[in-house]
């Protein structure tokens, strides 16, 4: 694949991850206010959100062009 294809796929993945991260954040906030929420499920959602954040950082760094010194 060429650089433009790689950049396009990275940008698409980044966008999807940001949407999933935002949706998880909203779900976590909603569930956190409910006393009857399963804490294990909530913890797993928070871990998934952190993993997505790491993946977002990876794709953002991948989109930064390499500069030759």
N, C-alpha and C. Protein backbone atom coordinates (compact mmCIF):
# COMPACT_ATOMS: atom_id res chain seq x y z
N UNK A 1 0.83 -1.19 0.00
CA UNK A 1 0.00 0.00 0.00
C UNK A 1 0.87 1.24 0.00
N UNK A 2 0.32 2.31 -0.49
CA UNK A 2 1.09 3.54 -0.50
C UNK A 2 0.73 4.40 0.70
N UNK A 3 1.43 5.52 0.84
CA UNK A 3 1.25 6.37 2.02
C UNK A 3 -0.13 6.98 2.11
N UNK A 4 -0.71 7.36 0.97
CA UNK A 4 -2.04 7.98 1.02
C UNK A 4 -3.10 6.97 1.45
N UNK A 5 -2.95 5.71 1.03
CA UNK A 5 -3.89 4.66 1.45
C UNK A 5 -3.73 4.38 2.93
N UNK A 6 -2.48 4.33 3.40
CA UNK A 6 -2.23 4.12 4.82
C UNK A 6 -2.79 5.27 5.65
N UNK A 7 -2.61 6.48 5.19
CA UNK A 7 -3.11 7.65 5.91
C UNK A 7 -4.64 7.65 5.94
N UNK A 8 -5.24 7.28 4.84
CA UNK A 8 -6.70 7.25 4.78
C UNK A 8 -7.27 6.19 5.71
N UNK A 9 -6.65 5.01 5.73
CA UNK A 9 -7.15 3.95 6.62
C UNK A 9 -6.90 4.31 8.08
N UNK A 10 -5.77 4.96 8.37
CA UNK A 10 -5.49 5.38 9.74
C UNK A 10 -6.47 6.46 10.18
N UNK A 11 -6.79 7.38 9.29
CA UNK A 11 -7.74 8.44 9.61
C UNK A 11 -9.13 7.86 9.84
N UNK A 12 -9.51 6.89 9.04
CA UNK A 12 -10.82 6.24 9.19
C UNK A 12 -10.88 5.49 10.52
N UNK A 13 -9.82 4.75 10.85
CA UNK A 13 -9.77 4.02 12.11
C UNK A 13 -9.80 4.99 13.29
N UNK A 14 -9.10 6.09 13.16
CA UNK A 14 -9.05 7.10 14.21
C UNK A 14 -10.45 7.67 14.47
N UNK A 15 -11.16 7.97 13.40
CA UNK A 15 -12.50 8.51 13.53
C UNK A 15 -13.43 7.51 14.23
N UNK A 16 -13.35 6.24 13.83
CA UNK A 16 -14.19 5.21 14.44
C UNK A 16 -13.87 5.03 15.92
N UNK A 17 -12.59 5.07 16.25
CA UNK A 17 -12.18 4.93 17.65
C UNK A 17 -12.66 6.10 18.50
N UNK A 18 -12.60 7.30 17.94
CA UNK A 18 -13.06 8.48 18.68
C UNK A 18 -14.56 8.40 18.95
N UNK A 19 -15.31 7.90 17.99
CA UNK A 19 -16.76 7.75 18.18
C UNK A 19 -17.03 6.70 19.26
N UNK A 20 -16.31 5.57 19.20
CA UNK A 20 -16.49 4.53 20.20
C UNK A 20 -16.09 5.02 21.59
N UNK A 21 -15.02 5.79 21.67
CA UNK A 21 -14.55 6.35 22.94
C UNK A 21 -15.61 7.28 23.53
N UNK A 22 -16.18 8.14 22.70
CA UNK A 22 -17.21 9.07 23.15
C UNK A 22 -18.45 8.32 23.63
N UNK A 23 -18.86 7.30 22.87
CA UNK A 23 -20.03 6.51 23.25
C UNK A 23 -19.81 5.78 24.57
N UNK A 24 -18.62 5.22 24.74
CA UNK A 24 -18.29 4.54 26.00
C UNK A 24 -18.30 5.52 27.16
N UNK A 25 -17.77 6.70 26.94
CA UNK A 25 -17.75 7.73 27.97
C UNK A 25 -19.16 8.07 28.42
N UNK A 26 -20.07 8.23 27.47
CA UNK A 26 -21.46 8.54 27.80
C UNK A 26 -22.11 7.39 28.55
N UNK A 27 -21.86 6.16 28.12
CA UNK A 27 -22.44 5.00 28.78
C UNK A 27 -21.91 4.85 30.20
N UNK A 28 -20.61 5.08 30.38
CA UNK A 28 -20.01 4.98 31.71
C UNK A 28 -20.60 6.04 32.64
N UNK A 29 -20.76 7.25 32.14
CA UNK A 29 -21.34 8.31 32.96
C UNK A 29 -22.77 7.98 33.37
N UNK A 30 -23.52 7.44 32.44
CA UNK A 30 -24.91 7.06 32.73
C UNK A 30 -24.96 5.95 33.78
N UNK A 31 -24.12 4.92 33.60
CA UNK A 31 -24.14 3.78 34.51
C UNK A 31 -23.56 4.13 35.88
N UNK A 32 -22.63 5.06 35.92
CA UNK A 32 -22.02 5.45 37.19
C UNK A 32 -23.03 6.06 38.14
N UNK A 33 -24.03 6.72 37.61
CA UNK A 33 -25.03 7.36 38.46
C UNK A 33 -26.08 6.37 38.98
N UNK A 34 -26.10 5.16 38.43
CA UNK A 34 -27.07 4.14 38.85
C UNK A 34 -26.44 3.27 39.94
N UNK A 35 -27.08 3.20 41.09
CA UNK A 35 -26.54 2.44 42.22
C UNK A 35 -26.52 0.94 41.93
N UNK A 36 -27.47 0.46 41.16
CA UNK A 36 -27.59 -0.97 40.89
C UNK A 36 -26.66 -1.47 39.79
N UNK A 37 -25.77 -0.64 39.31
CA UNK A 37 -24.88 -1.02 38.22
C UNK A 37 -23.87 -2.08 38.67
N UNK A 38 -23.64 -3.05 37.80
CA UNK A 38 -22.63 -4.08 38.04
C UNK A 38 -21.25 -3.43 37.95
N UNK A 39 -20.55 -3.40 39.07
CA UNK A 39 -19.26 -2.72 39.13
C UNK A 39 -18.20 -3.39 38.25
N UNK A 40 -18.28 -4.70 38.11
CA UNK A 40 -17.33 -5.41 37.25
C UNK A 40 -17.52 -4.99 35.80
N UNK A 41 -18.76 -4.89 35.38
CA UNK A 41 -19.05 -4.45 34.01
C UNK A 41 -18.57 -3.02 33.79
N UNK A 42 -18.80 -2.18 34.77
CA UNK A 42 -18.36 -0.79 34.69
C UNK A 42 -16.83 -0.70 34.60
N UNK A 43 -16.14 -1.51 35.39
CA UNK A 43 -14.68 -1.54 35.36
C UNK A 43 -14.17 -2.00 34.00
N UNK A 44 -14.81 -3.01 33.44
CA UNK A 44 -14.40 -3.49 32.11
C UNK A 44 -14.62 -2.42 31.05
N UNK A 45 -15.71 -1.68 31.17
CA UNK A 45 -15.96 -0.60 30.21
C UNK A 45 -14.88 0.47 30.33
N UNK A 46 -14.48 0.79 31.55
CA UNK A 46 -13.44 1.80 31.75
C UNK A 46 -12.10 1.33 31.19
N UNK A 47 -11.79 0.05 31.35
CA UNK A 47 -10.55 -0.49 30.79
C UNK A 47 -10.58 -0.45 29.27
N UNK A 48 -11.73 -0.77 28.69
CA UNK A 48 -11.89 -0.72 27.24
C UNK A 48 -11.70 0.72 26.74
N UNK A 49 -12.24 1.67 27.49
CA UNK A 49 -12.11 3.08 27.13
C UNK A 49 -10.63 3.50 27.14
N UNK A 50 -9.88 3.06 28.15
CA UNK A 50 -8.45 3.37 28.21
C UNK A 50 -7.68 2.73 27.06
N UNK A 51 -8.06 1.50 26.71
CA UNK A 51 -7.40 0.83 25.58
C UNK A 51 -7.68 1.59 24.28
N UNK A 52 -8.90 2.05 24.12
CA UNK A 52 -9.25 2.82 22.93
C UNK A 52 -8.46 4.13 22.90
N UNK A 53 -8.29 4.76 24.07
CA UNK A 53 -7.50 6.00 24.14
C UNK A 53 -6.07 5.76 23.67
N UNK A 54 -5.49 4.63 24.08
CA UNK A 54 -4.14 4.28 23.63
C UNK A 54 -4.10 4.06 22.12
N UNK A 55 -5.13 3.41 21.59
CA UNK A 55 -5.19 3.18 20.15
C UNK A 55 -5.35 4.49 19.39
N UNK A 56 -6.11 5.42 19.95
CA UNK A 56 -6.27 6.75 19.34
C UNK A 56 -4.91 7.45 19.28
N UNK A 57 -4.16 7.38 20.35
CA UNK A 57 -2.83 8.00 20.37
C UNK A 57 -1.92 7.37 19.32
N UNK A 58 -2.00 6.05 19.17
CA UNK A 58 -1.20 5.35 18.18
C UNK A 58 -1.52 5.85 16.77
N UNK A 59 -2.80 5.91 16.43
CA UNK A 59 -3.18 6.35 15.08
C UNK A 59 -2.89 7.82 14.85
N UNK A 60 -3.03 8.65 15.89
CA UNK A 60 -2.68 10.06 15.74
C UNK A 60 -1.20 10.22 15.46
N UNK A 61 -0.36 9.44 16.13
CA UNK A 61 1.08 9.54 15.87
C UNK A 61 1.42 8.99 14.50
N UNK A 62 0.64 8.03 14.04
CA UNK A 62 0.87 7.44 12.71
C UNK A 62 0.56 8.45 11.60
N UNK A 63 -0.35 9.38 11.88
CA UNK A 63 -0.73 10.37 10.88
C UNK A 63 0.24 11.55 10.80
N UNK A 64 1.12 11.67 11.80
CA UNK A 64 2.12 12.74 11.77
C UNK A 64 3.21 12.34 10.80
N UNK A 65 3.47 13.16 9.80
CA UNK A 65 4.49 12.79 8.80
C UNK A 65 5.89 12.74 9.41
N UNK A 66 6.68 11.81 8.93
CA UNK A 66 8.07 11.70 9.36
C UNK A 66 8.86 12.80 8.67
N UNK A 67 9.64 13.52 9.47
CA UNK A 67 10.47 14.59 8.91
C UNK A 67 11.91 14.14 8.91
N UNK A 68 12.52 14.21 7.76
CA UNK A 68 13.95 13.87 7.66
C UNK A 68 14.77 15.02 8.20
N UNK A 69 15.75 14.69 9.00
CA UNK A 69 16.59 15.73 9.60
C UNK A 69 17.59 16.28 8.62
